[in-house]
Amino acid sequence: MDFMVIFPIVIVISAVMYIYYKVSILKTKDGLTQSYFNAKSRICLGLFLFAFGINQYVFYQTRISLFIGILFVFLGAMQLVRGFKETKHYRNEWKRLNPAD
């Protein structure tokens, strides 16, 4: 049952990183960098929802927690996929605009 500790750690770290990237958006003025940080925060949000959904079912193991867990895992997976796609796009866009760096 050592894996029971992993999900709360992932939940806390992803929530902290989500807040970090959202604050980083406010600190920068460049639109491309803001979009990149928003995509990174979307990955953290997706990871948070995904881990939270799994943790809910593992902790409670009831039918209602299964349905809620499936919903959270589905929404988290959608956020993760979209975040990875956006991050890749904005990283390539930054490399295209800054070829010397």
C-alpha atoms as a PDB file:
ATOM      1  CA  MET A   1       0.000   0.000   0.000  1.00  0.00           C
ATOM      2  CA  ASP A   2       2.947   2.354  -0.528  1.00  0.00           C
ATOM      3  CA  PHE A   3       1.326   3.738  -3.668  1.00  0.00           C
ATOM      4  CA  MET A   4      -1.363   5.368  -1.480  1.00  0.00           C
ATOM      5  CA  VAL A   5       1.194   8.054  -0.581  1.00  0.00           C
ATOM      6  CA  ILE A   6       2.056   8.837  -4.208  1.00  0.00           C
ATOM      7  CA  PHE A   7      -1.286  10.363  -5.206  1.00  0.00           C
ATOM      8  CA  PRO A   8      -1.477  12.987  -2.410  1.00  0.00           C
ATOM      9  CA  ILE A   9       2.109  14.024  -3.182  1.00  0.00           C
ATOM     10  CA  VAL A  10       1.303  14.366  -6.897  1.00  0.00           C
ATOM     11  CA  ILE A  11      -1.870  16.305  -6.044  1.00  0.00           C
ATOM     12  CA  VAL A  12      -0.021  18.809  -3.853  1.00  0.00           C
ATOM     13  CA  ILE A  13       2.911  19.264  -6.262  1.00  0.00           C
ATOM     14  CA  SER A  14       0.643  19.739  -9.285  1.00  0.00           C
ATOM     15  CA  ALA A  15      -1.508  22.273  -7.395  1.00  0.00           C
ATOM     16  CA  VAL A  16       1.589  24.247  -6.368  1.00  0.00           C
ATOM     17  CA  MET A  17       2.957  24.172  -9.932  1.00  0.00           C
ATOM     18  CA  TYR A  18      -0.438  25.268 -11.283  1.00  0.00           C
ATOM     19  CA  ILE A  19      -0.385  28.317  -9.006  1.00  0.00           C
ATOM     20  CA  TYR A  20       3.266  28.985  -9.910  1.00  0.00           C
ATOM     21  CA  TYR A  21       2.520  29.075 -13.646  1.00  0.00           C
ATOM     22  CA  LYS A  22      -0.597  31.216 -13.174  1.00  0.00           C
ATOM     23  CA  VAL A  23       1.433  33.760 -11.179  1.00  0.00           C
ATOM     24  CA  SER A  24       4.181  33.617 -13.836  1.00  0.00           C
ATOM     25  CA  ILE A  25       1.604  34.678 -16.437  1.00  0.00           C
ATOM     26  CA  LEU A  26       1.025  37.885 -14.480  1.00  0.00           C
ATOM     27  CA  LYS A  27       4.754  38.639 -14.270  1.00  0.00           C
ATOM     28  CA  THR A  28       5.437  38.589 -18.009  1.00  0.00           C
ATOM     29  CA  LYS A  29       4.224  40.968 -20.690  1.00  0.00           C
ATOM     30  CA  ASP A  30       5.035  38.838 -23.758  1.00  0.00           C
ATOM     31  CA  GLY A  31       1.897  37.235 -25.200  1.00  0.00           C
ATOM     32  CA  LEU A  32       3.713  34.146 -26.472  1.00  0.00           C
ATOM     33  CA  THR A  33       5.310  33.507 -23.076  1.00  0.00           C
ATOM     34  CA  GLN A  34       1.952  33.996 -21.373  1.00  0.00           C
ATOM     35  CA  SER A  35       0.368  31.456 -23.688  1.00  0.00           C
ATOM     36  CA  TYR A  36       3.215  29.022 -23.033  1.00  0.00           C
ATOM     37  CA  PHE A  37       2.846  29.391 -19.250  1.00  0.00           C
ATOM     38  CA  ASN A  38      -0.919  28.953 -19.595  1.00  0.00           C
ATOM     39  CA  ALA A  39      -0.339  25.689 -21.470  1.00  0.00           C
ATOM     40  CA  LYS A  40       2.044  24.522 -18.741  1.00  0.00           C
ATOM     41  CA  SER A  41      -0.523  25.402 -16.081  1.00  0.00           C
ATOM     42  CA  ARG A  42      -3.115  23.394 -18.032  1.00  0.00           C
ATOM     43  CA  ILE A  43      -0.823  20.341 -17.778  1.00  0.00           C
ATOM     44  CA  CYS A  44      -0.575  20.829 -14.011  1.00  0.00           C
ATOM     45  CA  LEU A  45      -4.344  21.200 -13.724  1.00  0.00           C
ATOM     46  CA  GLY A  46      -4.858  18.035 -15.762  1.00  0.00           C
ATOM     47  CA  LEU A  47      -2.402  16.117 -13.615  1.00  0.00           C
ATOM     48  CA  PHE A  48      -4.154  17.412 -10.486  1.00  0.00           C
ATOM     49  CA  LEU A  49      -7.582  16.292 -11.708  1.00  0.00           C
ATOM     50  CA  PHE A  50      -6.262  12.948 -12.929  1.00  0.00           C
ATOM     51  CA  ALA A  51      -4.499  12.122  -9.653  1.00  0.00           C
ATOM     52  CA  PHE A  52      -7.417  13.421  -7.580  1.00  0.00           C
ATOM     53  CA  GLY A  53      -9.877  11.216  -9.464  1.00  0.00           C
ATOM     54  CA  ILE A  54      -7.767   8.103  -8.947  1.00  0.00           C
ATOM     55  CA  ASN A  55      -7.132   8.986  -5.306  1.00  0.00           C
ATOM     56  CA  GLN A  56     -10.844   9.416  -4.603  1.00  0.00           C
ATOM     57  CA  TYR A  57     -11.670   5.920  -5.788  1.00  0.00           C
ATOM     58  CA  VAL A  58      -8.667   4.278  -4.120  1.00  0.00           C
ATOM     59  CA  PHE A  59      -9.462   5.982  -0.816  1.00  0.00           C
ATOM     60  CA  TYR A  60     -13.253   5.501  -0.645  1.00  0.00           C
ATOM     61  CA  GLN A  61     -13.950   2.564  -3.033  1.00  0.00           C
ATOM     62  CA  THR A  62     -17.656   3.236  -3.395  1.00  0.00           C
ATOM     63  CA  ARG A  63     -19.796   3.378  -6.519  1.00  0.00           C
ATOM     64  CA  ILE A  64     -20.313   7.159  -6.322  1.00  0.00           C
ATOM     65  CA  SER A  65     -16.582   7.750  -5.857  1.00  0.00           C
ATOM     66  CA  LEU A  66     -16.006   5.542  -8.914  1.00  0.00           C
ATOM     67  CA  PHE A  67     -18.298   7.718 -11.056  1.00  0.00           C
ATOM     68  CA  ILE A  68     -16.793  10.939  -9.733  1.00  0.00           C
ATOM     69  CA  GLY A  69     -13.294   9.496 -10.154  1.00  0.00           C
ATOM     70  CA  ILE A  70     -14.005   8.519 -13.765  1.00  0.00           C
ATOM     71  CA  LEU A  71     -15.290  12.035 -14.461  1.00  0.00           C
ATOM     72  CA  PHE A  72     -12.195  13.629 -12.911  1.00  0.00           C
ATOM     73  CA  VAL A  73      -9.832  11.242 -14.710  1.00  0.00           C
ATOM     74  CA  PHE A  74     -11.566  11.998 -18.024  1.00  0.00           C
ATOM     75  CA  LEU A  75     -11.449  15.777 -17.511  1.00  0.00           C
ATOM     76  CA  GLY A  76      -7.846  15.560 -16.299  1.00  0.00           C
ATOM     77  CA  ALA A  77      -6.810  13.530 -19.329  1.00  0.00           C
ATOM     78  CA  MET A  78      -8.456  16.089 -21.631  1.00  0.00           C
ATOM     79  CA  GLN A  79      -6.560  18.932 -19.917  1.00  0.00           C
ATOM     80  CA  LEU A  80      -3.285  16.983 -20.076  1.00  0.00           C
ATOM     81  CA  VAL A  81      -3.602  16.240 -23.791  1.00  0.00           C
ATOM     82  CA  ARG A  82      -4.564  19.810 -24.660  1.00  0.00           C
ATOM     83  CA  GLY A  83      -1.793  21.198 -22.445  1.00  0.00           C
ATOM     84  CA  PHE A  84       0.867  19.002 -24.063  1.00  0.00           C
ATOM     85  CA  LYS A  85      -0.306  19.977 -27.557  1.00  0.00           C
ATOM     86  CA  GLU A  86      -0.334  23.692 -26.700  1.00  0.00           C
ATOM     87  CA  THR A  87       3.062  23.498 -24.995  1.00  0.00           C
ATOM     88  CA  LYS A  88       4.600  21.825 -28.029  1.00  0.00           C
ATOM     89  CA  HIS A  89       3.019  24.399 -30.358  1.00  0.00           C
ATOM     90  CA  TYR A  90       4.160  27.437 -28.363  1.00  0.00           C
ATOM     91  CA  ARG A  91       7.659  26.000 -27.854  1.00  0.00           C
ATOM     92  CA  ASN A  92       8.014  25.512 -31.628  1.00  0.00           C
ATOM     93  CA  GLU A  93       6.626  28.998 -32.218  1.00  0.00           C
ATOM     94  CA  TRP A  94       9.215  30.494 -29.824  1.00  0.00           C
ATOM     95  CA  LYS A  95      12.017  28.606 -31.608  1.00  0.00           C
ATOM     96  CA  ARG A  96      10.744  29.895 -34.955  1.00  0.00           C
ATOM     97  CA  LEU A  97      10.702  33.511 -33.753  1.00  0.00           C
ATOM     98  CA  ASN A  98      14.054  33.269 -31.912  1.00  0.00           C
ATOM     99  CA  PRO A  99      16.356  31.163 -34.090  1.00  0.00           C
ATOM    100  CA  ALA A 100      19.570  32.528 -32.472  1.00  0.00           C
ATOM    101  CA  ASP A 101      18.678  31.387 -28.933  1.00  0.00           C
END
